[in-house]
Protein backbone atom coordinates (compact mmCIF):
# COMPACT_ATOMS: atom_id res chain seq x y z
CA MET A 1 -29.74 -82.40 -40.26
CA VAL A 2 -27.11 -84.22 -38.23
CA GLN A 3 -24.02 -85.28 -40.22
CA PHE A 4 -21.68 -88.25 -39.68
CA PHE A 5 -18.07 -88.31 -40.85
CA TYR A 6 -15.63 -91.20 -40.81
CA PHE A 7 -12.38 -89.76 -39.43
CA HIS A 8 -9.05 -91.52 -39.99
CA LEU A 9 -5.63 -90.82 -38.48
CA MET A 10 -3.78 -93.49 -40.51
CA PRO A 11 -1.50 -94.48 -37.60
CA TRP A 12 1.71 -96.50 -37.76
CA PRO A 13 0.85 -99.48 -35.52
CA HIS A 14 4.19 -101.34 -35.75
CA LEU A 15 6.08 -99.68 -32.91
CA PRO A 16 9.08 -101.58 -31.54
CA ALA A 17 8.45 -104.00 -28.70
CA ASP A 18 10.60 -101.95 -26.31
CA PHE A 19 9.02 -98.61 -27.29
CA ASP A 20 7.58 -97.91 -23.83
CA GLN A 21 10.94 -98.36 -22.12
CA ARG A 22 13.32 -96.85 -24.68
CA GLU A 23 11.51 -94.07 -26.52
CA PRO A 24 10.59 -90.76 -24.84
CA SER A 25 8.15 -89.77 -27.58
CA ALA A 26 6.17 -91.03 -30.56
CA TRP A 27 6.69 -87.59 -32.12
CA VAL A 28 9.61 -85.56 -33.50
CA THR A 29 12.47 -87.80 -32.34
CA LEU A 30 11.13 -91.34 -32.93
CA SER A 31 13.60 -92.55 -35.58
CA ASN A 32 12.17 -93.30 -39.01
CA ARG A 33 14.20 -96.51 -39.02
CA HIS A 34 11.10 -97.93 -37.32
CA TYR A 35 9.03 -97.23 -40.47
CA ASP A 36 8.89 -99.99 -43.08
CA PRO A 37 7.76 -98.53 -46.44
CA ALA A 38 6.64 -101.96 -47.71
CA LEU A 39 4.28 -102.32 -44.74
CA GLY A 40 3.32 -98.69 -45.19
CA HIS A 41 2.26 -99.37 -48.78
CA HIS A 42 -0.09 -102.09 -47.56
CA LEU A 43 -1.45 -99.94 -44.73
CA TYR A 44 -2.18 -96.87 -46.84
CA ASN A 45 -4.19 -98.92 -49.30
CA GLU A 46 -6.01 -100.73 -46.49
CA TYR A 47 -6.85 -97.41 -44.85
CA LEU A 48 -8.13 -95.94 -48.13
CA ASP A 49 -10.25 -99.07 -48.72
CA GLU A 50 -11.73 -98.51 -45.28
CA MET A 51 -12.66 -94.91 -46.01
CA GLU A 52 -14.23 -95.84 -49.34
CA TYR A 53 -16.25 -98.52 -47.56
CA ALA A 54 -17.44 -95.87 -45.09
CA GLU A 55 -19.04 -94.01 -47.97
CA ALA A 56 -20.74 -97.21 -49.14
CA LEU A 57 -22.09 -97.71 -45.60
CA GLY A 58 -23.77 -94.30 -45.67
CA PHE A 59 -21.42 -91.93 -43.83
CA ASP A 60 -21.99 -88.34 -44.99
CA GLY A 61 -18.31 -87.56 -45.21
CA LEU A 62 -14.73 -88.75 -44.86
CA ALA A 63 -12.17 -86.80 -42.82
CA VAL A 64 -8.38 -86.72 -43.00
CA ASN A 65 -5.81 -84.55 -41.21
CA GLU A 66 -2.21 -83.33 -41.12
CA HIS A 67 0.59 -84.42 -38.80
CA HIS A 68 4.36 -84.68 -39.17
CA GLN A 69 7.14 -87.01 -38.02
CA ASN A 70 5.16 -89.34 -35.77
CA ALA A 71 3.53 -92.76 -35.40
CA TYR A 72 0.16 -91.34 -34.31
CA GLY A 73 -0.91 -90.22 -37.77
CA THR A 74 1.04 -90.72 -41.01
CA MET A 75 -0.59 -88.04 -43.17
CA PRO A 76 1.94 -85.23 -43.64
CA SER A 77 -0.18 -84.11 -46.61
CA PRO A 78 -3.94 -84.47 -46.09
CA ASN A 79 -4.50 -82.95 -49.52
CA LEU A 80 -2.82 -85.97 -51.11
CA MET A 81 -5.15 -88.29 -49.20
CA ALA A 82 -8.12 -86.19 -50.21
CA ALA A 83 -7.00 -86.48 -53.84
CA ALA A 84 -6.79 -90.26 -53.51
CA LEU A 85 -10.34 -90.33 -52.14
CA VAL A 86 -11.92 -87.91 -54.61
CA ARG A 87 -11.68 -90.23 -57.62
CA ARG A 88 -12.75 -93.35 -55.68
CA THR A 89 -15.85 -91.82 -54.09
CA GLN A 90 -18.94 -90.22 -55.57
CA ARG A 91 -21.14 -88.80 -52.82
CA ALA A 92 -19.35 -88.28 -49.52
CA LYS A 93 -17.95 -84.91 -48.49
CA ILE A 94 -14.16 -84.87 -48.17
CA ALA A 95 -13.20 -82.98 -45.01
CA ILE A 96 -9.55 -81.93 -44.75
CA LEU A 97 -9.19 -81.37 -40.98
CA GLY A 98 -7.07 -79.65 -41.64
CA ASN A 99 -4.21 -77.90 -43.32
CA ALA A 100 -1.90 -76.49 -40.64
CA LEU A 101 -1.60 -72.97 -42.03
CA PRO A 102 1.30 -71.55 -39.95
CA LEU A 103 3.52 -74.44 -41.04
CA HIS A 104 3.22 -73.48 -44.71
CA GLU A 105 5.66 -70.95 -46.11
CA HIS A 106 3.45 -70.58 -49.19
CA PRO A 107 -0.23 -70.62 -48.20
CA LEU A 108 -1.19 -69.97 -51.81
CA ARG A 109 -0.25 -73.61 -52.41
CA VAL A 110 -2.97 -74.56 -49.93
CA ALA A 111 -5.42 -72.28 -51.75
CA GLU A 112 -4.51 -73.82 -55.11
CA GLU A 113 -4.64 -77.44 -53.96
CA VAL A 114 -7.94 -77.16 -52.10
CA ALA A 115 -9.52 -75.26 -55.02
CA MET A 116 -8.32 -77.95 -57.41
CA LEU A 117 -9.72 -80.69 -55.15
CA ASP A 118 -13.04 -78.85 -54.93
CA VAL A 119 -13.33 -78.67 -58.72
CA LEU A 120 -12.20 -82.27 -59.18
CA SER A 121 -14.69 -83.55 -56.59
CA GLY A 122 -17.63 -81.59 -57.92
CA GLY A 123 -17.79 -79.34 -54.87
CA ARG A 124 -17.47 -81.94 -52.09
CA VAL A 125 -14.50 -80.50 -50.20
CA ILE A 126 -14.60 -79.06 -46.67
CA SER A 127 -11.46 -77.10 -45.82
CA GLY A 128 -10.43 -77.35 -42.20
CA PHE A 129 -7.79 -74.93 -40.95
CA VAL A 130 -5.63 -75.65 -37.90
CA ARG A 131 -2.47 -74.27 -36.33
CA GLY A 132 -0.91 -77.69 -35.84
CA ILE A 133 0.10 -78.95 -32.41
CA GLY A 134 3.32 -77.80 -30.80
CA CYS A 135 5.32 -80.82 -31.97
CA GLU A 136 4.88 -79.83 -35.62
CA TYR A 137 6.89 -76.65 -35.07
CA PHE A 138 9.94 -78.69 -34.03
CA SER A 139 9.45 -81.05 -36.96
CA LEU A 140 9.29 -78.29 -39.59
CA GLY A 141 11.52 -75.69 -37.94
CA VAL A 142 8.86 -72.98 -37.61
CA ASN A 143 8.97 -70.45 -34.76
CA PRO A 144 5.86 -71.17 -32.61
CA THR A 145 5.83 -67.60 -31.30
CA TYR A 146 4.32 -66.47 -34.61
CA SER A 147 1.91 -69.38 -34.92
CA ARG A 148 -1.31 -67.46 -34.38
CA GLU A 149 -0.20 -64.42 -36.40
CA ARG A 150 0.68 -66.66 -39.33
CA PHE A 151 -2.58 -68.58 -38.98
CA TYR A 152 -4.77 -65.47 -39.19
CA GLU A 153 -2.76 -63.96 -42.02
CA ALA A 154 -2.66 -67.16 -44.07
CA HIS A 155 -6.41 -67.60 -43.57
CA ASP A 156 -7.13 -64.08 -44.81
CA LEU A 157 -4.92 -64.58 -47.85
CA ILE A 158 -6.49 -67.93 -48.78
CA VAL A 159 -10.08 -66.70 -48.41
CA ARG A 160 -9.34 -63.66 -50.54
CA ALA A 161 -7.58 -65.83 -53.13
CA TRP A 162 -10.66 -68.05 -53.36
CA SER A 163 -13.29 -65.36 -53.39
CA GLU A 164 -11.79 -62.27 -55.07
CA PRO A 165 -10.96 -61.93 -58.77
CA GLY A 166 -7.22 -61.75 -59.39
CA PRO A 167 -4.61 -60.75 -59.86
CA PHE A 168 -4.19 -58.64 -56.75
CA CYS A 169 -1.31 -57.85 -54.40
CA PHE A 170 -1.09 -59.13 -50.83
CA GLU A 171 1.30 -57.45 -48.40
CA GLY A 172 1.27 -58.96 -44.91
CA LYS A 173 3.74 -59.29 -42.07
CA HIS A 174 4.57 -62.93 -42.82
CA TYR A 175 3.39 -63.43 -46.41
CA ARG A 176 3.90 -61.15 -49.43
CA PHE A 177 2.71 -61.86 -52.94
CA ARG A 178 2.86 -59.54 -55.94
CA TYR A 179 0.34 -61.58 -57.89
CA VAL A 180 -2.48 -63.48 -56.18
CA ASN A 181 -4.41 -65.11 -59.02
CA VAL A 182 -5.42 -68.69 -58.11
CA TRP A 183 -6.15 -71.08 -60.96
CA PRO A 184 -8.42 -73.03 -60.78
CA ARG A 185 -11.00 -71.17 -58.72
CA PRO A 186 -13.02 -73.36 -56.30
CA LEU A 187 -16.35 -74.71 -57.50
CA GLN A 188 -18.15 -73.87 -54.24
CA GLN A 189 -18.74 -70.14 -54.04
CA PRO A 190 -17.60 -67.93 -52.53
CA HIS A 191 -15.32 -70.71 -51.23
CA PRO A 192 -15.44 -74.25 -49.75
CA PRO A 193 -16.84 -74.51 -46.19
CA ILE A 194 -14.21 -73.80 -43.53
CA TRP A 195 -14.15 -75.79 -40.27
CA LEU A 196 -12.05 -75.34 -37.14
CA PRO A 197 -10.97 -78.54 -35.40
CA SER A 198 -9.56 -77.47 -32.02
CA GLN A 199 -8.26 -78.49 -28.63
CA GLY A 200 -10.09 -75.53 -27.11
CA SER A 201 -7.84 -72.48 -27.08
CA THR A 202 -9.76 -69.38 -26.07
CA GLU A 203 -8.56 -67.40 -29.09
CA THR A 204 -9.63 -70.07 -31.59
CA ILE A 205 -13.07 -70.38 -30.01
CA ARG A 206 -13.69 -66.62 -30.16
CA TRP A 207 -12.28 -66.24 -33.67
CA GLY A 208 -14.31 -69.19 -34.95
CA ALA A 209 -17.54 -67.80 -33.52
CA GLU A 210 -16.83 -64.40 -35.07
CA HIS A 211 -16.44 -66.01 -38.50
CA ARG A 212 -19.33 -68.45 -37.92
CA TYR A 213 -17.06 -71.37 -38.75
CA PRO A 214 -18.07 -74.80 -37.42
CA PHE A 215 -16.09 -75.62 -34.28
CA VAL A 216 -15.10 -79.29 -33.88
CA SER A 217 -14.00 -80.46 -30.43
CA VAL A 218 -11.35 -83.14 -30.89
CA PHE A 219 -10.34 -86.02 -28.60
CA ASN A 220 -10.86 -84.74 -25.08
CA SER A 221 -12.87 -85.43 -21.96
CA TYR A 222 -16.58 -84.73 -21.95
CA THR A 223 -16.10 -82.07 -19.26
CA ASN A 224 -13.61 -80.14 -21.40
CA THR A 225 -15.66 -80.62 -24.55
CA LYS A 226 -18.75 -79.27 -22.81
CA ARG A 227 -16.79 -76.28 -21.51
CA TRP A 228 -15.39 -75.44 -24.96
CA ILE A 229 -18.72 -75.75 -26.74
CA GLU A 230 -20.40 -73.60 -24.11
CA GLU A 231 -17.63 -71.01 -24.61
CA TYR A 232 -18.33 -71.13 -28.33
CA HIS A 233 -22.08 -70.62 -27.78
CA GLU A 234 -21.29 -67.68 -25.49
CA ALA A 235 -18.92 -66.17 -28.07
CA ALA A 236 -21.57 -66.56 -30.77
CA ALA A 237 -24.12 -64.84 -28.54
CA ARG A 238 -21.74 -61.90 -28.08
CA CYS A 239 -21.58 -61.72 -31.88
CA GLY A 240 -25.37 -61.46 -31.98
CA TYR A 241 -26.47 -64.92 -33.07
CA THR A 242 -27.24 -68.43 -31.79
CA ALA A 243 -24.88 -71.09 -33.11
CA PRO A 244 -26.97 -73.76 -34.88
CA PRO A 245 -26.22 -77.52 -34.61
CA GLU A 246 -24.48 -77.57 -38.00
CA GLN A 247 -21.87 -75.25 -36.47
CA ILE A 248 -20.95 -77.59 -33.58
CA GLY A 249 -18.86 -80.75 -34.05
CA PHE A 250 -17.79 -83.60 -31.77
CA ALA A 251 -14.96 -86.06 -32.51
CA ALA A 252 -14.00 -89.06 -30.38
CA PRO A 253 -12.51 -92.54 -30.73
CA MET A 254 -15.48 -94.94 -30.81
CA TYR A 255 -15.94 -98.68 -30.88
CA VAL A 256 -19.20 -100.60 -31.28
CA ALA A 257 -19.72 -104.35 -30.84
CA GLU A 258 -22.46 -106.86 -30.05
CA SER A 259 -22.56 -105.98 -26.34
CA ASP A 260 -21.08 -103.45 -23.94
CA ALA A 261 -18.80 -106.05 -22.37
CA ARG A 262 -17.49 -107.29 -25.68
CA ALA A 263 -16.96 -103.78 -27.02
CA GLU A 264 -14.98 -102.74 -23.96
CA ALA A 265 -12.81 -105.87 -24.05
CA GLU A 266 -12.06 -105.66 -27.78
CA ALA A 267 -11.28 -101.94 -27.81
CA GLU A 268 -9.16 -101.74 -24.65
CA PRO A 269 -5.63 -102.47 -25.97
CA HIS A 270 -6.10 -100.23 -29.00
CA PHE A 271 -7.48 -97.24 -27.12
CA LEU A 272 -4.64 -97.58 -24.62
CA TRP A 273 -2.21 -97.64 -27.57
CA LEU A 274 -3.67 -94.35 -28.77
CA PHE A 275 -3.29 -92.45 -25.51
CA ARG A 276 -0.19 -94.11 -24.03
CA ARG A 277 1.87 -94.75 -27.16
CA GLY A 278 0.54 -92.73 -30.10
CA LEU A 279 0.12 -89.62 -27.93
CA LYS A 280 3.30 -90.09 -25.93
CA ILE A 281 4.60 -86.51 -26.11
CA PRO A 282 6.92 -84.70 -23.68
CA PRO A 283 5.36 -81.44 -22.41
CA ASN A 284 8.15 -79.34 -23.97
CA TYR A 285 7.23 -80.75 -27.41
CA LEU A 286 3.51 -80.31 -26.91
CA LEU A 287 3.63 -76.72 -25.65
CA PRO A 288 6.84 -75.03 -26.83
CA PRO A 289 7.49 -71.47 -25.62
CA GLY A 290 5.32 -68.94 -27.41
CA TYR A 291 2.89 -71.48 -28.86
CA ILE A 292 0.05 -70.87 -26.39
CA SER A 293 -1.19 -67.56 -25.01
CA GLU A 294 -1.09 -66.76 -21.30
CA GLU A 295 -4.90 -66.72 -21.19
CA SER A 296 -5.25 -70.16 -22.74
CA LEU A 297 -2.43 -71.58 -20.61
CA ARG A 298 -4.06 -70.29 -17.44
CA LYS A 299 -7.36 -71.91 -18.51
CA PHE A 300 -5.58 -75.20 -19.16
CA LEU A 301 -3.75 -75.17 -15.82
CA ALA A 302 -6.84 -74.09 -13.88
CA ALA A 303 -8.71 -77.15 -15.14
CA GLY A 304 -6.26 -79.31 -13.16
CA VAL A 305 -6.94 -82.35 -15.31
CA ARG A 306 -4.68 -85.36 -15.65
CA LEU A 307 -3.41 -86.12 -19.11
CA PRO A 308 -5.30 -88.96 -20.81
CA GLY A 309 -2.12 -91.04 -21.02
CA GLU A 310 -2.08 -91.13 -17.21
CA LEU A 311 -5.62 -92.52 -16.97
CA SER A 312 -6.73 -96.13 -16.73
CA TYR A 313 -8.94 -97.58 -19.44
CA ARG A 314 -11.93 -97.38 -17.13
CA GLU A 315 -11.19 -93.69 -16.47
CA LEU A 316 -10.91 -92.98 -20.19
CA ILE A 317 -14.43 -94.38 -20.61
CA GLU A 318 -15.89 -92.64 -17.56
CA HIS A 319 -14.40 -89.26 -18.47
CA GLY A 320 -15.69 -89.49 -22.03
CA TYR A 321 -12.38 -89.62 -23.88
CA VAL A 322 -13.65 -92.72 -25.70
CA LEU A 323 -17.08 -94.16 -26.47
CA VAL A 324 -17.51 -97.94 -26.39
CA GLY A 325 -20.52 -100.21 -26.19
CA SER A 326 -23.36 -101.86 -27.99
CA PRO A 327 -25.20 -99.93 -30.73
CA ALA A 328 -27.96 -99.01 -28.27
CA THR A 329 -25.48 -97.76 -25.67
CA VAL A 330 -23.38 -95.69 -28.08
CA ALA A 331 -26.49 -94.23 -29.75
CA ALA A 332 -27.93 -93.21 -26.37
CA ARG A 333 -24.68 -91.54 -25.31
CA LEU A 334 -24.36 -89.62 -28.56
CA ALA A 335 -28.02 -88.59 -28.43
CA ALA A 336 -27.36 -87.13 -24.97
CA VAL A 337 -24.34 -85.23 -26.31
CA GLN A 338 -26.40 -84.05 -29.25
CA GLN A 339 -29.19 -82.80 -27.04
CA GLU A 340 -27.13 -81.17 -24.29
CA LEU A 341 -24.49 -79.49 -26.46
CA GLY A 342 -26.40 -78.85 -29.68
CA VAL A 343 -24.03 -80.99 -31.76
CA GLY A 344 -24.88 -81.41 -35.43
CA ILE A 345 -21.60 -82.91 -36.69
CA PHE A 346 -20.24 -86.22 -35.39
CA LEU A 347 -16.78 -87.49 -36.33
CA TYR A 348 -16.52 -91.22 -35.76
CA SER A 349 -12.84 -92.05 -35.29
CA GLY A 350 -12.95 -95.74 -36.01
CA ARG A 351 -9.63 -97.48 -36.57
CA THR A 352 -7.57 -96.54 -33.57
CA GLY A 353 -3.88 -97.22 -32.98
CA ASP A 354 -2.97 -100.84 -33.64
CA MET A 355 -6.57 -102.04 -34.07
CA PRO A 356 -6.76 -104.87 -36.63
CA LYS A 357 -8.79 -104.43 -39.78
CA GLU A 358 -11.40 -107.01 -38.78
CA LEU A 359 -12.37 -105.19 -35.59
CA ALA A 360 -12.33 -101.78 -37.25
CA TRP A 361 -14.66 -102.90 -40.04
CA LYS A 362 -17.01 -104.67 -37.64
CA SER A 363 -17.35 -101.56 -35.48
CA MET A 364 -17.81 -99.32 -38.52
CA GLU A 365 -20.63 -101.56 -39.79
CA PHE A 366 -22.39 -101.57 -36.42
CA PHE A 367 -22.08 -97.78 -36.20
CA ALA A 368 -23.34 -97.15 -39.73
CA ARG A 369 -26.18 -99.67 -39.70
CA GLU A 370 -27.45 -99.36 -36.14
CA VAL A 371 -26.15 -96.16 -34.49
CA ILE A 372 -26.54 -93.62 -37.31
CA PRO A 373 -30.21 -94.49 -38.03
CA ARG A 374 -31.09 -94.11 -34.32
CA LEU A 375 -29.44 -90.69 -34.16
CA ARG A 376 -31.05 -89.52 -37.38
CA ALA A 377 -34.41 -90.52 -35.93
CA HIS A 378 -33.53 -88.61 -32.76
CA GLY A 379 -33.44 -85.42 -34.84
CA ALA A 380 -31.10 -82.48 -35.05
CA GLY A 381 -30.75 -82.17 -31.27
CA ILE A 382 -31.94 -78.70 -30.33
CA ARG A 383 -29.83 -77.51 -27.43
CA GLY A 384 -31.69 -77.32 -24.14
CA ASN A 385 -34.78 -79.35 -25.04
CA ALA A 386 -34.08 -81.80 -22.25
CA SER A 387 -31.40 -82.49 -19.71
CA PRO A 388 -29.49 -85.78 -20.08
CA GLY A 389 -28.65 -85.48 -16.38
CA GLY A 390 -32.25 -85.12 -15.21
CA ALA A 391 -34.46 -87.60 -13.39
CA GLY A 392 -34.26 -91.10 -14.78
CA SER A 393 -31.16 -90.43 -16.88
CA VAL A 394 -27.38 -90.29 -16.55
CA SER A 395 -25.31 -87.36 -17.79
CA PRO A 396 -23.06 -87.97 -20.81
CA ALA A 397 -19.96 -87.41 -18.68
CA LYS A 398 -20.95 -90.25 -16.37
CA ARG A 399 -22.26 -92.53 -19.08
CA MET A 400 -19.15 -92.24 -21.20
């Protein structure tokens, strides 16, 4: 069955008026003098209200994530946000997408906190694991050269801590513990579901397929998303299985309104804020030396794509970075994605950048009440049943 999650970044929308001219980045070096804690108090509670309302509207889950020292997303601890949601929701899954494992000096803290959340929620937690983007390594003073080593090692430690009786000893290259004995143990056995949100590195795709972890493509063009998901299917086939729809996820900023024209007009300034302001990152912050492998870097450079911040609003739509339109239009586009790529998990990223509450709630209501039912009726989307680019139809890449 197809699943729908409401994904929130919790951005800081109050950037200074001269930000575009004076600030080289919205990450790492943007001074925290621009953050007003009184406004932040109001925003956090408004954002949490929004996520709780998403559950009431029928979303299957709520998703939060981890970022540091930036205006793009003000959740340095997604586990704290998950804790705030657990007691105010009853049914929805809580997807932590995810804890950035290499940034943690003590991954057993991640194991403990997620296990505690799983017990507290009655087994509703999904534990996403990520490496964190390059900027985070500057913010927390972690050597990016060891990012992938630390990720794999922390993952192995956490999974063992959740699933094996303790105490036991763990001796790794980066993490050493004499006593691994997590209290409480997670409610879901052998452990909470693990997801992999990703920007498409070759190593993550292969590793995820080997572990049969759901792969979630996050915020990219349709062409790149299609390429990554096809790589994942190929990696799964090499492992001797066919990846089912519940193992493939798709996340994108979306906006739904009464008509295509109105949706495009209302969403434009806020989607441009996301890509031109919130994601304003110098290349040396995004890809510090050692962070990305030669193989993945070659794949990235060979694609020859322009960064989304360099694209016009019309190009963002046409390349599939964002989805905007009436309920019928957005449902048709997502149904095409579902059918062509075998997607079974959709992450609706609703409140984008400096979007006001009124527009965010209107779009969320349209999506929940008119888009989700159409996609549920469409079915689980078996990959290859039909071609969205065939006669009488337009491919998702063109239609987005």
